[in-house]
C-alpha atoms as a PDB file:
ATOM      1  CA  MET A   1      33.282  16.787   5.571  1.00  0.00           C
ATOM      2  CA  ALA A   2      30.756  19.602   5.402  1.00  0.00           C
ATOM      3  CA  ARG A   3      29.778  21.301   8.611  1.00  0.00           C
ATOM      4  CA  LYS A   4      26.106  20.802   9.437  1.00  0.00           C
ATOM      5  CA  ASN A   5      23.921  23.435  11.021  1.00  0.00           C
ATOM      6  CA  TYR A   6      21.225  22.048  13.274  1.00  0.00           C
ATOM      7  CA  PRO A   7      18.176  24.050  14.379  1.00  0.00           C
ATOM      8  CA  ASP A   8      18.229  25.221  18.001  1.00  0.00           C
ATOM      9  CA  GLU A   9      15.077  23.209  18.709  1.00  0.00           C
ATOM     10  CA  PHE A  10      16.817  20.020  17.551  1.00  0.00           C
ATOM     11  CA  LYS A  11      19.787  20.790  19.812  1.00  0.00           C
ATOM     12  CA  ARG A  12      17.525  21.430  22.821  1.00  0.00           C
ATOM     13  CA  ASP A  13      15.581  18.230  22.149  1.00  0.00           C
ATOM     14  CA  ALA A  14      18.767  16.191  21.791  1.00  0.00           C
ATOM     15  CA  VAL A  15      20.135  17.540  25.093  1.00  0.00           C
ATOM     16  CA  ALA A  16      16.780  16.877  26.795  1.00  0.00           C
ATOM     17  CA  LEU A  17      16.788  13.318  25.454  1.00  0.00           C
ATOM     18  CA  TYR A  18      20.273  12.703  26.874  1.00  0.00           C
ATOM     19  CA  ARG A  19      19.434  14.361  30.193  1.00  0.00           C
ATOM     20  CA  ASP A  20      16.153  12.457  30.641  1.00  0.00           C
ATOM     21  CA  THR A  21      17.381   9.030  29.550  1.00  0.00           C
ATOM     22  CA  GLU A  22      18.839   7.276  32.552  1.00  0.00           C
ATOM     23  CA  GLY A  23      21.843   5.076  31.893  1.00  0.00           C
ATOM     24  CA  ALA A  24      22.286   6.092  28.240  1.00  0.00           C
ATOM     25  CA  THR A  25      25.678   7.281  27.087  1.00  0.00           C
ATOM     26  CA  ILE A  26      26.534  10.106  24.722  1.00  0.00           C
ATOM     27  CA  LYS A  27      27.607   7.477  22.189  1.00  0.00           C
ATOM     28  CA  VAL A  28      24.213   5.728  22.159  1.00  0.00           C
ATOM     29  CA  ILE A  29      22.115   8.899  21.979  1.00  0.00           C
ATOM     30  CA  ALA A  30      24.363  10.482  19.323  1.00  0.00           C
ATOM     31  CA  ALA A  31      24.170   7.358  17.168  1.00  0.00           C
ATOM     32  CA  ASP A  32      20.380   7.270  17.514  1.00  0.00           C
ATOM     33  CA  LEU A  33      20.109  10.899  16.419  1.00  0.00           C
ATOM     34  CA  GLY A  34      22.718  10.688  13.666  1.00  0.00           C
ATOM     35  CA  VAL A  35      25.088  13.280  15.118  1.00  0.00           C
ATOM     36  CA  SER A  36      28.668  12.881  16.262  1.00  0.00           C
ATOM     37  CA  GLU A  37      29.497  12.212  19.892  1.00  0.00           C
ATOM     38  CA  ALA A  38      31.589  15.382  20.055  1.00  0.00           C
ATOM     39  CA  THR A  39      28.707  17.486  18.761  1.00  0.00           C
ATOM     40  CA  LEU A  40      26.193  16.118  21.270  1.00  0.00           C
ATOM     41  CA  SER A  41      28.764  16.410  24.047  1.00  0.00           C
ATOM     42  CA  ALA A  42      29.380  20.061  23.162  1.00  0.00           C
ATOM     43  CA  TRP A  43      25.625  20.774  23.159  1.00  0.00           C
ATOM     44  CA  CYS A  44      25.285  19.148  26.582  1.00  0.00           C
ATOM     45  CA  LYS A  45      28.234  21.092  28.008  1.00  0.00           C
ATOM     46  CA  THR A  46      26.810  24.349  26.628  1.00  0.00           C
ATOM     47  CA  ALA A  47      23.458  23.553  28.263  1.00  0.00           C
ATOM     48  CA  GLY A  48      25.169  22.708  31.559  1.00  0.00           C
ATOM     49  CA  VAL A  49      24.189  19.042  31.492  1.00  0.00           C
ATOM     50  CA  PRO A  50      26.822  16.823  33.146  1.00  0.00           C
ATOM     51  CA  ILE A  51      28.265  14.087  30.968  1.00  0.00           C
ATOM     52  CA  ARG A  52      27.889  10.562  32.376  1.00  0.00           C
ATOM     53  CA  HIS A  53      30.891   8.293  31.936  1.00  0.00           C
ATOM     54  CA  GLY A  54      30.397   4.544  31.681  1.00  0.00           C
ATOM     55  CA  ARG A  55      27.374   2.576  32.711  1.00  0.00           C
ATOM     56  CA  SER A  56      26.141   1.985  36.208  1.00  0.00           C
ATOM     57  CA  ALA A  57      26.648  -1.522  37.469  1.00  0.00           C
ATOM     58  CA  SER A  58      23.504  -3.512  36.972  1.00  0.00           C
ATOM     59  CA  THR A  59      22.323  -5.747  39.736  1.00  0.00           C
ATOM     60  CA  ALA A  60      23.599  -9.259  39.457  1.00  0.00           C
ATOM     61  CA  ALA A  61      20.696 -11.389  38.333  1.00  0.00           C
ATOM     62  CA  ALA A  62      20.503 -14.731  40.014  1.00  0.00           C
ATOM     63  CA  SER A  63      18.587 -17.477  38.322  1.00  0.00           C
ATOM     64  CA  PRO A  64      14.843 -16.788  38.730  1.00  0.00           C
ATOM     65  CA  GLY A  65      14.242 -19.940  40.771  1.00  0.00           C
ATOM     66  CA  LEU A  66      16.781 -18.902  43.422  1.00  0.00           C
ATOM     67  CA  GLU A  67      15.439 -15.383  44.041  1.00  0.00           C
ATOM     68  CA  THR A  68      13.784 -14.404  47.254  1.00  0.00           C
ATOM     69  CA  PRO A  69      10.519 -12.468  46.885  1.00  0.00           C
ATOM     70  CA  GLU A  70      12.365  -9.267  47.849  1.00  0.00           C
ATOM     71  CA  GLN A  71      15.037  -9.842  45.203  1.00  0.00           C
ATOM     72  CA  GLU A  72      12.409 -10.600  42.580  1.00  0.00           C
ATOM     73  CA  LEU A  73      10.506  -7.428  43.477  1.00  0.00           C
ATOM     74  CA  ALA A  74      13.687  -5.345  43.288  1.00  0.00           C
ATOM     75  CA  ARG A  75      14.598  -6.911  39.924  1.00  0.00           C
ATOM     76  CA  LEU A  76      11.115  -6.320  38.511  1.00  0.00           C
ATOM     77  CA  ARG A  77      11.102  -2.723  39.741  1.00  0.00           C
ATOM     78  CA  ALA A  78      14.482  -2.091  38.117  1.00  0.00           C
ATOM     79  CA  GLU A  79      13.274  -3.694  34.891  1.00  0.00           C
ATOM     80  CA  ASN A  80      10.094  -1.597  34.976  1.00  0.00           C
ATOM     81  CA  LYS A  81      12.152   1.564  35.505  1.00  0.00           C
ATOM     82  CA  ALA A  82      14.406   0.664  32.582  1.00  0.00           C
ATOM     83  CA  LEU A  83      11.414  -0.015  30.333  1.00  0.00           C
ATOM     84  CA  ARG A  84       9.809   3.304  31.276  1.00  0.00           C
ATOM     85  CA  ALA A  85      13.084   5.113  30.519  1.00  0.00           C
ATOM     86  CA  THR A  86      13.303   3.357  27.154  1.00  0.00           C
ATOM     87  CA  GLU A  87       9.705   4.292  26.353  1.00  0.00           C
ATOM     88  CA  ALA A  88      10.394   7.928  27.254  1.00  0.00           C
ATOM     89  CA  ARG A  89      13.547   7.943  25.115  1.00  0.00           C
ATOM     90  CA  LEU A  90      11.729   6.435  22.135  1.00  0.00           C
ATOM     91  CA  SER A  91       8.876   8.900  22.505  1.00  0.00           C
ATOM     92  CA  THR A  92      11.296  11.830  22.580  1.00  0.00           C
ATOM     93  CA  GLU A  93      13.199  10.431  19.586  1.00  0.00           C
ATOM     94  CA  ARG A  94       9.942  10.110  17.665  1.00  0.00           C
ATOM     95  CA  ASP A  95       9.076  13.735  18.434  1.00  0.00           C
ATOM     96  CA  ILE A  96      12.548  14.886  17.366  1.00  0.00           C
ATOM     97  CA  LEU A  97      12.266  12.958  14.120  1.00  0.00           C
ATOM     98  CA  ARG A  98       8.840  14.458  13.438  1.00  0.00           C
ATOM     99  CA  SER A  99      10.176  17.995  13.927  1.00  0.00           C
ATOM    100  CA  ALA A 100      13.226  17.227  11.787  1.00  0.00           C
ATOM    101  CA  ALA A 101      10.998  15.851   9.027  1.00  0.00           C
ATOM    102  CA  LYS A 102       8.847  18.994   9.133  1.00  0.00           C
ATOM    103  CA  TYR A 103      11.943  21.197   9.106  1.00  0.00           C
ATOM    104  CA  PHE A 104      13.571  19.438   6.170  1.00  0.00           C
ATOM    105  CA  ALA A 105      10.283  19.166   4.259  1.00  0.00           C
ATOM    106  CA  GLY A 106      10.027  22.956   4.446  1.00  0.00           C
ATOM    107  CA  GLU A 107      13.595  23.385   3.195  1.00  0.00           C
ATOM    108  CA  THR A 108      13.208  21.418  -0.043  1.00  0.00           C
ATOM    109  CA  ASN A 109      12.758  23.544  -3.134  1.00  0.00           C
ATOM    110  CA  TRP A 110      11.890  20.943  -5.724  1.00  0.00           C
END
């Protein structure tokens, strides 16, 4: 397999995406970006970003009818936080893809 050279900006953006996305694993982010887990892990280690292992335990969701108002509020806050993190991750991915498209469009010599 040929060794790929990624621009430094792409590497920084990939590390920032991993660092800023709560609860995401190296595997998920690497798959989204189309790089290997080992590559993304090495970039994170070089940047001094700690690698998260496993997922945090999610709160046990009782059936909605049996929740107290406090439990419902906590569940909705956690869901809102997760949705905001997903939105931030997708926004960063979109920006990375835009820069990659610009980079590769400039490299073609057709």
